[in-house]
Amino acid sequence: AGKIRTVAGGASKTPAAASVPALQAGLNGPKFVWAEKDGSVLIA
């Protein structure tokens, strides 16, 4: 529908444990994104 929303990162640059919600993941300078066949998305 053209709606844009943040689904991961955007909060802190500090990495967090793998079990935290995606919006608290703490991305810092992400450079690459890859969509997997299962629908998940990898972020470098």
Full PDB file with SEQRES, HELIX, SHEET, SSBOND, CRYST1, ORIGX, SCALE, CONECT and MASTER records, all heavy atoms in Angstrom:
SEQRES   1 A   44  ALA GLY LYS ILE ARG THR VAL ALA GLY GLY ALA SER LYS          
SEQRES   2 A   44  THR PRO ALA ALA ALA SER VAL PRO ALA LEU GLN ALA GLY          
SEQRES   3 A   44  LEU ASN GLY PRO LYS PHE VAL TRP ALA GLU LYS ASP GLY          
SEQRES   4 A   44  SER VAL LEU ILE ALA                                          
HELIX    1 AA1 ALA A   22  GLN A   24  5                                   3    
SHEET    1 AA1 2 VAL A  33  ALA A  35  0                                        
SHEET    2 AA1 2 VAL A  41  ILE A  43 -1                                        
CRYST1    1.000    1.000    1.000  90.00  90.00  90.00 P 1           1          
ORIGX1      1.000000  0.000000  0.000000        0.00000                         
ORIGX2      0.000000  1.000000  0.000000        0.00000                         
ORIGX3      0.000000  0.000000  1.000000        0.00000                         
SCALE1      1.000000  0.000000  0.000000        0.00000                         
SCALE2      0.000000  1.000000  0.000000        0.00000                         
SCALE3      0.000000  0.000000  1.000000        0.00000                         
ATOM      1  N   ALA A   1       0.819  -1.220   0.000  1.00  0.00           N  
ATOM      2  CA  ALA A   1       0.000   0.000   0.000  1.00  0.00           C  
ATOM      3  C   ALA A   1       0.849   1.265   0.000  1.00  0.00           C  
ATOM      4  O   ALA A   1       0.323   2.366  -0.048  1.00  0.00           O  
ATOM      5  CB  ALA A   1      -0.921   0.001   1.217  1.00  0.00           C  
ATOM      6  N   GLY A   2       2.192   1.109   0.064  1.00  0.00           N  
ATOM      7  CA  GLY A   2       3.084   2.259   0.064  1.00  0.00           C  
ATOM      8  C   GLY A   2       3.411   2.791   1.447  1.00  0.00           C  
ATOM      9  O   GLY A   2       4.094   3.802   1.580  1.00  0.00           O  
ATOM     10  N   LYS A   3       2.934   2.124   2.491  1.00  0.00           N  
ATOM     11  CA  LYS A   3       3.207   2.555   3.863  1.00  0.00           C  
ATOM     12  C   LYS A   3       4.631   2.159   4.248  1.00  0.00           C  
ATOM     13  O   LYS A   3       5.050   1.021   4.051  1.00  0.00           O  
ATOM     14  CB  LYS A   3       2.210   1.902   4.817  1.00  0.00           C  
ATOM     15  CG  LYS A   3       2.393   2.335   6.240  1.00  0.00           C  
ATOM     16  CD  LYS A   3       1.374   1.684   7.161  1.00  0.00           C  
ATOM     17  CE  LYS A   3       1.648   2.104   8.592  1.00  0.00           C  
ATOM     18  NZ  LYS A   3       0.749   1.422   9.529  1.00  0.00           N  
ATOM     19  N   ILE A   4       5.371   3.127   4.812  1.00  0.00           N  
ATOM     20  CA  ILE A   4       6.751   2.898   5.241  1.00  0.00           C  
ATOM     21  C   ILE A   4       6.782   2.811   6.758  1.00  0.00           C  
ATOM     22  O   ILE A   4       6.208   3.656   7.448  1.00  0.00           O  
ATOM     23  CB  ILE A   4       7.671   4.041   4.774  1.00  0.00           C  
ATOM     24  CG1 ILE A   4       7.617   4.177   3.265  1.00  0.00           C  
ATOM     25  CG2 ILE A   4       9.105   3.805   5.256  1.00  0.00           C  
ATOM     26  CD1 ILE A   4       8.291   5.425   2.735  1.00  0.00           C  
ATOM     27  N   ARG A   5       7.470   1.779   7.280  1.00  0.00           N  
ATOM     28  CA  ARG A   5       7.619   1.678   8.729  1.00  0.00           C  
ATOM     29  C   ARG A   5       8.976   1.075   9.064  1.00  0.00           C  
ATOM     30  O   ARG A   5       9.568   0.348   8.268  1.00  0.00           O  
ATOM     31  CB  ARG A   5       6.489   0.878   9.351  1.00  0.00           C  
ATOM     32  CG  ARG A   5       6.329  -0.500   8.855  1.00  0.00           C  
ATOM     33  CD  ARG A   5       5.033  -1.149   9.359  1.00  0.00           C  
ATOM     34  NE  ARG A   5       4.769  -2.364   8.635  1.00  0.00           N  
ATOM     35  CZ  ARG A   5       5.243  -3.559   8.951  1.00  0.00           C  
ATOM     36  NH1 ARG A   5       5.977  -3.716  10.022  1.00  0.00           N  
ATOM     37  NH2 ARG A   5       4.966  -4.615   8.207  1.00  0.00           N  
ATOM     38  N   THR A   6       9.479   1.418  10.227  1.00  0.00           N  
ATOM     39  CA  THR A   6      10.735   0.871  10.720  1.00  0.00           C  
ATOM     40  C   THR A   6      10.444  -0.481  11.353  1.00  0.00           C  
ATOM     41  O   THR A   6       9.538  -0.601  12.167  1.00  0.00           O  
ATOM     42  CB  THR A   6      11.361   1.810  11.765  1.00  0.00           C  
ATOM     43  OG1 THR A   6      11.554   3.088  11.158  1.00  0.00           O  
ATOM     44  CG2 THR A   6      12.694   1.280  12.270  1.00  0.00           C  
ATOM     45  N   VAL A   7      11.235  -1.497  10.984  1.00  0.00           N  
ATOM     46  CA  VAL A   7      11.014  -2.839  11.527  1.00  0.00           C  
ATOM     47  C   VAL A   7      12.201  -3.357  12.343  1.00  0.00           C  
ATOM     48  O   VAL A   7      12.055  -4.319  13.089  1.00  0.00           O  
ATOM     49  CB  VAL A   7      10.639  -3.846  10.415  1.00  0.00           C  
ATOM     50  CG1 VAL A   7       9.288  -3.501   9.817  1.00  0.00           C  
ATOM     51  CG2 VAL A   7      11.698  -3.908   9.330  1.00  0.00           C  
ATOM     52  N   ALA A   8      13.368  -2.731  12.205  1.00  0.00           N  
ATOM     53  CA  ALA A   8      14.537  -3.145  12.987  1.00  0.00           C  
ATOM     54  C   ALA A   8      15.483  -1.971  13.155  1.00  0.00           C  
ATOM     55  O   ALA A   8      15.615  -1.131  12.267  1.00  0.00           O  
ATOM     56  CB  ALA A   8      15.263  -4.304  12.309  1.00  0.00           C  
ATOM     57  N   GLY A   9      16.148  -1.931  14.308  1.00  0.00           N  
ATOM     58  CA  GLY A   9      17.104  -0.871  14.585  1.00  0.00           C  
ATOM     59  C   GLY A   9      16.419   0.458  14.833  1.00  0.00           C  
ATOM     60  O   GLY A   9      15.253   0.513  15.216  1.00  0.00           O  
ATOM     61  N   GLY A  10      17.178   1.535  14.615  1.00  0.00           N  
ATOM     62  CA  GLY A  10      16.637   2.870  14.774  1.00  0.00           C  
ATOM     63  C   GLY A  10      16.707   3.412  16.190  1.00  0.00           C  
ATOM     64  O   GLY A  10      16.469   4.585  16.419  1.00  0.00           O  
ATOM     65  N   ALA A  11      17.050   2.580  17.163  1.00  0.00           N  
ATOM     66  CA  ALA A  11      17.063   3.024  18.560  1.00  0.00           C  
ATOM     67  C   ALA A  11      18.490   3.323  19.016  1.00  0.00           C  
ATOM     68  O   ALA A  11      18.907   4.466  19.074  1.00  0.00           O  
ATOM     69  CB  ALA A  11      16.424   1.970  19.454  1.00  0.00           C  
ATOM     70  N   SER A  12      19.244   2.306  19.286  1.00  0.00           N  
ATOM     71  CA  SER A  12      20.599   2.433  19.811  1.00  0.00           C  
ATOM     72  C   SER A  12      21.580   1.831  18.826  1.00  0.00           C  
ATOM     73  O   SER A  12      21.241   0.945  18.057  1.00  0.00           O  
ATOM     74  CB  SER A  12      20.691   1.677  21.150  1.00  0.00           C  
ATOM     75  OG  SER A  12      22.022   1.539  21.547  1.00  0.00           O  
ATOM     76  N   LYS A  13      22.825   2.302  18.851  1.00  0.00           N  
ATOM     77  CA  LYS A  13      23.868   1.714  18.014  1.00  0.00           C  
ATOM     78  C   LYS A  13      24.542   0.535  18.706  1.00  0.00           C  
ATOM     79  O   LYS A  13      25.278  -0.209  18.095  1.00  0.00           O  
ATOM     80  CB  LYS A  13      24.932   2.768  17.677  1.00  0.00           C  
ATOM     81  CG  LYS A  13      24.429   3.867  16.780  1.00  0.00           C  
ATOM     82  CD  LYS A  13      25.545   4.835  16.473  1.00  0.00           C  
ATOM     83  CE  LYS A  13      25.069   5.942  15.568  1.00  0.00           C  
ATOM     84  NZ  LYS A  13      26.151   6.866  15.230  1.00  0.00           N  
ATOM     85  N   THR A  14      24.294   0.377  19.984  1.00  0.00           N  
ATOM     86  CA  THR A  14      24.924  -0.684  20.755  1.00  0.00           C  
ATOM     87  C   THR A  14      24.239  -2.013  20.477  1.00  0.00           C  
ATOM     88  O   THR A  14      23.016  -2.098  20.561  1.00  0.00           O  
ATOM     89  CB  THR A  14      24.838  -0.375  22.264  1.00  0.00           C  
ATOM     90  OG1 THR A  14      25.389   0.913  22.486  1.00  0.00           O  
ATOM     91  CG2 THR A  14      25.587  -1.404  23.076  1.00  0.00           C  
ATOM     92  N   PRO A  15      24.999  -3.052  20.144  1.00  0.00           N  
ATOM     93  CA  PRO A  15      24.363  -4.335  19.864  1.00  0.00           C  
ATOM     94  C   PRO A  15      23.712  -4.911  21.126  1.00  0.00           C  
ATOM     95  O   PRO A  15      24.176  -4.688  22.231  1.00  0.00           O  
ATOM     96  CB  PRO A  15      25.522  -5.218  19.403  1.00  0.00           C  
ATOM     97  CG  PRO A  15      26.736  -4.594  19.965  1.00  0.00           C  
ATOM     98  CD  PRO A  15      26.452  -3.122  20.055  1.00  0.00           C  
ATOM     99  N   ALA A  16      22.620  -5.614  20.924  1.00  0.00           N  
ATOM    100  CA  ALA A  16      21.907  -6.250  22.022  1.00  0.00           C  
ATOM    101  C   ALA A  16      21.869  -7.749  21.775  1.00  0.00           C  
ATOM    102  O   ALA A  16      22.213  -8.222  20.698  1.00  0.00           O  
ATOM    103  CB  ALA A  16      20.492  -5.678  22.114  1.00  0.00           C  
ATOM    104  N   ALA A  17      21.428  -8.498  22.764  1.00  0.00           N  
ATOM    105  CA  ALA A  17      21.323  -9.947  22.634  1.00  0.00           C  
ATOM    106  C   ALA A  17      20.392 -10.313  21.486  1.00  0.00           C  
ATOM    107  O   ALA A  17      19.522  -9.533  21.106  1.00  0.00           O  
ATOM    108  CB  ALA A  17      20.801 -10.533  23.937  1.00  0.00           C  
ATOM    109  N   ALA A  18      20.566 -11.493  20.941  1.00  0.00           N  
ATOM    110  CA  ALA A  18      19.771 -11.940  19.807  1.00  0.00           C  
ATOM    111  C   ALA A  18      18.287 -12.059  20.128  1.00  0.00           C  
ATOM    112  O   ALA A  18      17.457 -12.026  19.234  1.00  0.00           O  
ATOM    113  CB  ALA A  18      20.298 -13.281  19.314  1.00  0.00           C  
ATOM    114  N   SER A  19      17.950 -12.164  21.390  1.00  0.00           N  
ATOM    115  CA  SER A  19      16.553 -12.397  21.766  1.00  0.00           C  
ATOM    116  C   SER A  19      15.726 -11.127  21.945  1.00  0.00           C  
ATOM    117  O   SER A  19      14.546 -11.213  22.238  1.00  0.00           O  
ATOM    118  CB  SER A  19      16.509 -13.203  23.066  1.00  0.00           C  
ATOM    119  OG  SER A  19      17.132 -12.467  24.105  1.00  0.00           O  
ATOM    120  N   VAL A  20      16.315  -9.949  21.746  1.00  0.00           N  
ATOM    121  CA  VAL A  20      15.562  -8.702  21.936  1.00  0.00           C  
ATOM    122  C   VAL A  20      14.667  -8.430  20.730  1.00  0.00           C  
ATOM    123  O   VAL A  20      14.941  -8.905  19.630  1.00  0.00           O  
ATOM    124  CB  VAL A  20      16.495  -7.492  22.167  1.00  0.00           C  
ATOM    125  CG1 VAL A  20      17.360  -7.695  23.379  1.00  0.00           C  
ATOM    126  CG2 VAL A  20      17.321  -7.188  20.954  1.00  0.00           C  
ATOM    127  N   PRO A  21      13.610  -7.631  20.911  1.00  0.00           N  
ATOM    128  CA  PRO A  21      12.779  -7.248  19.755  1.00  0.00           C  
ATOM    129  C   PRO A  21      13.616  -6.506  18.711  1.00  0.00           C  
ATOM    130  O   PRO A  21      14.578  -5.809  19.052  1.00  0.00           O  
ATOM    131  CB  PRO A  21      11.728  -6.325  20.379  1.00  0.00           C  
ATOM    132  CG  PRO A  21      11.668  -6.725  21.817  1.00  0.00           C  
ATOM    133  CD  PRO A  21      13.075  -7.130  22.169  1.00  0.00           C  
ATOM    134  N   ALA A  22      13.239  -6.659  17.447  1.00  0.00           N  
ATOM    135  CA  ALA A  22      14.020  -6.085  16.351  1.00  0.00           C  
ATOM    136  C   ALA A  22      14.240  -4.587  16.477  1.00  0.00           C  
ATOM    137  O   ALA A  22      15.302  -4.076  16.115  1.00  0.00           O  
ATOM    138  CB  ALA A  22      13.337  -6.399  15.021  1.00  0.00           C  
ATOM    139  N   LEU A  23      13.264  -3.842  16.997  1.00  0.00           N  
ATOM    140  CA  LEU A  23      13.422  -2.390  17.117  1.00  0.00           C  
ATOM    141  C   LEU A  23      14.428  -2.005  18.194  1.00  0.00           C  
ATOM    142  O   LEU A  23      14.829  -0.850  18.285  1.00  0.00           O  
ATOM    143  CB  LEU A  23      12.064  -1.731  17.389  1.00  0.00           C  
ATOM    144  CG  LEU A  23      11.110  -1.764  16.203  1.00  0.00           C  
ATOM    145  CD1 LEU A  23       9.739  -1.233  16.589  1.00  0.00           C  
ATOM    146  CD2 LEU A  23      11.669  -0.984  15.025  1.00  0.00           C  
ATOM    147  N   GLN A  24      14.864  -2.956  19.011  1.00  0.00           N  
ATOM    148  CA  GLN A  24      15.874  -2.695  20.035  1.00  0.00           C  
ATOM    149  C   GLN A  24      17.211  -3.366  19.695  1.00  0.00           C  
ATOM    150  O   GLN A  24      18.111  -3.430  20.528  1.00  0.00           O  
ATOM    151  CB  GLN A  24      15.382  -3.202  21.390  1.00  0.00           C  
ATOM    152  CG  GLN A  24      14.144  -2.508  21.878  1.00  0.00           C  
ATOM    153  CD  GLN A  24      13.576  -3.157  23.127  1.00  0.00           C  
ATOM    154  OE1 GLN A  24      14.237  -3.946  23.795  1.00  0.00           O  
ATOM    155  NE2 GLN A  24      12.347  -2.833  23.452  1.00  0.00           N  
ATOM    156  N   ALA A  25      17.341  -3.847  18.478  1.00  0.00           N  
ATOM    157  CA  ALA A  25      18.510  -4.632  18.087  1.00  0.00           C  
ATOM    158  C   ALA A  25      19.812  -3.846  18.110  1.00  0.00           C  
ATOM    159  O   ALA A  25      20.873  -4.413  18.273  1.00  0.00           O  
ATOM    160  CB  ALA A  25      18.298  -5.233  16.703  1.00  0.00           C  
ATOM    161  N   GLY A  26      19.778  -2.543  17.929  1.00  0.00           N  
ATOM    162  CA  GLY A  26      20.994  -1.738  17.972  1.00  0.00           C  
ATOM    163  C   GLY A  26      21.864  -1.870  16.741  1.00  0.00           C  
ATOM    164  O   GLY A  26      23.001  -2.294  16.817  1.00  0.00           O  
ATOM    165  N   LEU A  27      21.344  -1.522  15.573  1.00  0.00           N  
ATOM    166  CA  LEU A  27      22.144  -1.529  14.352  1.00  0.00           C  
ATOM    167  C   LEU A  27      23.092  -0.331  14.364  1.00  0.00           C  
ATOM    168  O   LEU A  27      22.744   0.739  14.844  1.00  0.00           O  
ATOM    169  CB  LEU A  27      21.243  -1.451  13.125  1.00  0.00           C  
ATOM    170  CG  LEU A  27      20.224  -2.573  12.944  1.00  0.00           C  
ATOM    171  CD1 LEU A  27      19.378  -2.299  11.705  1.00  0.00           C  
ATOM    172  CD2 LEU A  27      20.901  -3.918  12.842  1.00  0.00           C  
ATOM    173  N   ASN A  28      24.301  -0.530  13.811  1.00  0.00           N  
ATOM    174  CA  ASN A  28      25.291   0.542  13.752  1.00  0.00           C  
ATOM    175  C   ASN A  28      26.014   0.463  12.418  1.00  0.00           C  
ATOM    176  O   ASN A  28      26.892  -0.360  12.233  1.00  0.00           O  
ATOM    177  CB  ASN A  28      26.274   0.434  14.912  1.00  0.00           C  
ATOM    178  CG  ASN A  28      27.225   1.615  14.976  1.00  0.00           C  
ATOM    179  OD1 ASN A  28      27.074   2.589  14.257  1.00  0.00           O  
ATOM    180  ND2 ASN A  28      28.203   1.528  15.846  1.00  0.00           N  
ATOM    181  N   GLY A  29      25.613   1.311  11.501  1.00  0.00           N  
ATOM    182  CA  GLY A  29      26.239   1.333  10.176  1.00  0.00           C  
ATOM    183  C   GLY A  29      25.899   0.119   9.329  1.00  0.00           C  
ATOM    184  O   GLY A  29      26.783  -0.456   8.702  1.00  0.00           O  
ATOM    185  N   PRO A  30      24.634  -0.280   9.271  1.00  0.00           N  
ATOM    186  CA  PRO A  30      24.282  -1.433   8.439  1.00  0.00           C  
ATOM    187  C   PRO A  30      24.588  -1.143   6.973  1.00  0.00           C  
ATOM    188  O   PRO A  30      24.363  -0.042   6.501  1.00  0.00           O  
ATOM    189  CB  PRO A  30      22.786  -1.600   8.682  1.00  0.00           C  
ATOM    190  CG  PRO A  30      22.310  -0.245   9.065  1.00  0.00           C  
ATOM    191  CD  PRO A  30      23.444   0.376   9.828  1.00  0.00           C  
ATOM    192  N   LYS A  31      25.138  -2.158   6.275  1.00  0.00           N  
ATOM    193  CA  LYS A  31      25.580  -1.932   4.900  1.00  0.00           C  
ATOM    194  C   LYS A  31      24.936  -2.833   3.862  1.00  0.00           C  
ATOM    195  O   LYS A  31      25.025  -2.556   2.680  1.00  0.00           O  
ATOM    196  CB  LYS A  31      27.099  -2.134   4.810  1.00  0.00           C  
ATOM    197  CG  LYS A  31      27.892  -1.052   5.468  1.00  0.00           C  
ATOM    198  CD  LYS A  31      29.363  -1.241   5.186  1.00  0.00           C  
ATOM    199  CE  LYS A  31      30.168  -0.104   5.767  1.00  0.00           C  
ATOM    200  NZ  LYS A  31      31.586  -0.263   5.518  1.00  0.00           N  
ATOM    201  N   PHE A  32      24.319  -3.930   4.272  1.00  0.00           N  
ATOM    202  CA  PHE A  32      23.820  -4.892   3.292  1.00  0.00           C  
ATOM    203  C   PHE A  32      22.571  -5.564   3.823  1.00  0.00           C  
ATOM    204  O   PHE A  32      22.494  -5.869   5.011  1.00  0.00           O  
ATOM    205  CB  PHE A  32      24.910  -5.937   3.015  1.00  0.00           C  
ATOM    206  CG  PHE A  32      24.547  -6.941   1.964  1.00  0.00           C  
ATOM    207  CD1 PHE A  32      24.616  -6.620   0.620  1.00  0.00           C  
ATOM    208  CD2 PHE A  32      24.150  -8.214   2.311  1.00  0.00           C  
ATOM    209  CE1 PHE A  32      24.285  -7.553  -0.349  1.00  0.00           C  
ATOM    210  CE2 PHE A  32      23.816  -9.151   1.348  1.00  0.00           C  
ATOM    211  CZ  PHE A  32      23.890  -8.821   0.013  1.00  0.00           C  
ATOM    212  N   VAL A  33      21.617  -5.803   2.949  1.00  0.00           N  
ATOM    213  CA  VAL A  33      20.376  -6.485   3.329  1.00  0.00           C  
ATOM    214  C   VAL A  33      20.107  -7.604   2.316  1.00  0.00           C  
ATOM    215  O   VAL A  33      20.388  -7.448   1.113  1.00  0.00           O  
ATOM    216  CB  VAL A  33      19.195  -5.491   3.414  1.00  0.00           C  
ATOM    217  CG1 VAL A  33      18.877  -4.871   2.092  1.00  0.00           C  
ATOM    218  CG2 VAL A  33      17.972  -6.139   4.009  1.00  0.00           C  
ATOM    219  N   TRP A  34      19.612  -8.736   2.822  1.00  0.00           N  
ATOM    220  CA  TRP A  34      19.342  -9.885   1.972  1.00  0.00           C  
ATOM    221  C   TRP A  34      18.061 -10.558   2.427  1.00  0.00           C  
ATOM    222  O   TRP A  34      17.927 -10.904   3.590  1.00  0.00           O  
ATOM    223  CB  TRP A  34      20.505 -10.868   2.060  1.00  0.00           C  
ATOM    224  CG  TRP A  34      20.296 -12.119   1.274  1.00  0.00           C  
ATOM    225  CD1 TRP A  34      19.804 -13.315   1.730  1.00  0.00           C  
ATOM    226  CD2 TRP A  34      20.575 -12.310  -0.104  1.00  0.00           C  
ATOM    227  NE1 TRP A  34      19.749 -14.227   0.719  1.00  0.00           N  
ATOM    228  CE2 TRP A  34      20.225 -13.634  -0.432  1.00  0.00           C  
ATOM    229  CE3 TRP A  34      21.072 -11.485  -1.109  1.00  0.00           C  
ATOM    230  CZ2 TRP A  34      20.363 -14.150  -1.711  1.00  0.00           C  
ATOM    231  CZ3 TRP A  34      21.220 -12.009  -2.369  1.00  0.00           C  
ATOM    232  CH2 TRP A  34      20.869 -13.322  -2.666  1.00  0.00           C  
ATOM    233  N   ALA A  35      17.120 -10.768   1.521  1.00  0.00           N  
ATOM    234  CA  ALA A  35      15.862 -11.455   1.855  1.00  0.00           C  
ATOM    235  C   ALA A  35      16.028 -12.950   1.588  1.00  0.00           C  
ATOM    236  O   ALA A  35      16.439 -13.355   0.494  1.00  0.00           O  
ATOM    237  CB  ALA A  35      14.722 -10.895   1.022  1.00  0.00           C  
ATOM    238  N   GLU A  36      15.709 -13.754   2.576  1.00  0.00           N  
ATOM    239  CA  GLU A  36      15.805 -15.208   2.469  1.00  0.00           C  
ATOM    240  C   GLU A  36      14.498 -15.780   1.917  1.00  0.00           C  
ATOM    241  O   GLU A  36      13.445 -15.133   1.983  1.00  0.00           O  
ATOM    242  CB  GLU A  36      16.061 -15.813   3.853  1.00  0.00           C  
ATOM    243  CG  GLU A  36      17.447 -15.498   4.405  1.00  0.00           C  
ATOM    244  CD  GLU A  36      18.513 -16.383   3.799  1.00  0.00           C  
ATOM    245  OE1 GLU A  36      18.596 -17.552   4.175  1.00  0.00           O  
ATOM    246  OE2 GLU A  36      19.251 -15.877   2.927  1.00  0.00           O  
ATOM    247  N   LYS A  37      14.529 -16.995   1.424  1.00  0.00           N  
ATOM    248  CA  LYS A  37      13.336 -17.654   0.881  1.00  0.00           C  
ATOM    249  C   LYS A  37      12.259 -17.851   1.943  1.00  0.00           C  
ATOM    250  O   LYS A  37      11.076 -17.886   1.626  1.00  0.00           O  
ATOM    251  CB  LYS A  37      13.705 -19.000   0.264  1.00  0.00           C  
ATOM    252  CG  LYS A  37      14.496 -18.880  -1.008  1.00  0.00           C  
ATOM    253  CD  LYS A  37      14.821 -20.232  -1.589  1.00  0.00           C  
ATOM    254  CE  LYS A  37      15.656 -20.083  -2.849  1.00  0.00           C  
ATOM    255  NZ  LYS A  37      15.978 -21.385  -3.445  1.00  0.00           N  
ATOM    256  N   ASP A  38      12.662 -17.983   3.213  1.00  0.00           N  
ATOM    257  CA  ASP A  38      11.689 -18.205   4.293  1.00  0.00           C  
ATOM    258  C   ASP A  38      11.028 -16.908   4.767  1.00  0.00           C  
ATOM    259  O   ASP A  38      10.221 -16.921   5.682  1.00  0.00           O  
ATOM    260  CB  ASP A  38      12.332 -18.932   5.474  1.00  0.00           C  
ATOM    261  CG  ASP A  38      13.394 -18.101   6.192  1.00  0.00           C  
ATOM    262  OD1 ASP A  38      13.642 -16.940   5.814  1.00  0.00           O  
ATOM    263  OD2 ASP A  38      13.980 -18.626   7.156  1.00  0.00           O  
ATOM    264  N   GLY A  39      11.379 -15.775   4.140  1.00  0.00           N  
ATOM    265  CA  GLY A  39      10.785 -14.490   4.497  1.00  0.00           C  
ATOM    266  C   GLY A  39      11.595 -13.678   5.487  1.00  0.00           C  
ATOM    267  O   GLY A  39      11.323 -12.504   5.707  1.00  0.00           O  
ATOM    268  N   SER A  40      12.605 -14.281   6.093  1.00  0.00           N  
ATOM    269  CA  SER A  40      13.453 -13.534   7.018  1.00  0.00           C  
ATOM    270  C   SER A  40      14.413 -12.646   6.229  1.00  0.00           C  
ATOM    271  O   SER A  40      14.616 -12.840   5.029  1.00  0.00           O  
ATOM    272  CB  SER A  40      14.225 -14.468   7.952  1.00  0.00           C  
ATOM    273  OG  SER A  40      15.118 -15.285   7.220  1.00  0.00           O  
ATOM    274  N   VAL A  41      14.982 -11.660   6.903  1.00  0.00           N  
ATOM    275  CA  VAL A  41      15.871 -10.698   6.257  1.00  0.00           C  
ATOM    276  C   VAL A  41      17.184 -10.649   7.030  1.00  0.00           C  
ATOM    277  O   VAL A  41      17.193 -10.475   8.252  1.00  0.00           O  
ATOM    278  CB  VAL A  41      15.226  -9.287   6.230  1.00  0.00           C  
ATOM    279  CG1 VAL A  41      16.155  -8.277   5.592  1.00  0.00           C  
ATOM    280  CG2 VAL A  41      13.898  -9.331   5.490  1.00  0.00           C  
ATOM    281  N   LEU A  42      18.299 -10.823   6.326  1.00  0.00           N  
ATOM    282  CA  LEU A  42      19.626 -10.726   6.940  1.00  0.00           C  
ATOM    283  C   LEU A  42      20.152  -9.309   6.768  1.00  0.00           C  
ATOM    284  O   LEU A  42      19.992  -8.706   5.705  1.00  0.00           O  
ATOM    285  CB  LEU A  42      20.593 -11.712   6.291  1.00  0.00           C  
ATOM    286  CG  LEU A  42      20.217 -13.182   6.390  1.00  0.00           C  
ATOM    287  CD1 LEU A  42      21.225 -14.026   5.632  1.00  0.00           C  
ATOM    288  CD2 LEU A  42      20.134 -13.617   7.836  1.00  0.00           C  
ATOM    289  N   ILE A  43      20.793  -8.803   7.822  1.00  0.00           N  
ATOM    290  CA  ILE A  43      21.338  -7.442   7.818  1.00  0.00           C  
ATOM    291  C   ILE A  43      22.804  -7.512   8.214  1.00  0.00           C  
ATOM    292  O   ILE A  43      23.128  -8.029   9.296  1.00  0.00           O  
ATOM    293  CB  ILE A  43      20.591  -6.554   8.831  1.00  0.00           C  
ATOM    294  CG1 ILE A  43      19.090  -6.557   8.552  1.00  0.00           C  
ATOM    295  CG2 ILE A  43      21.159  -5.136   8.822  1.00  0.00           C  
ATOM    296  CD1 ILE A  43      18.264  -6.070   9.721  1.00  0.00           C  
ATOM    297  N   ALA A  44      23.689  -7.009   7.365  1.00  0.00           N  
ATOM    298  CA  ALA A  44      25.108  -6.908   7.715  1.00  0.00           C  
ATOM    299  C   ALA A  44      25.285  -5.634   8.524  1.00  0.00           C  
ATOM    300  O   ALA A  44      25.197  -4.529   7.993  1.00  0.00           O  
ATOM    301  CB  ALA A  44      25.971  -6.884   6.463  1.00  0.00           C  
TER     302      ALA A  44                                                      
MASTER        0    0    0    1    2    0    0    6  301    1    0    4          
END                                                                             
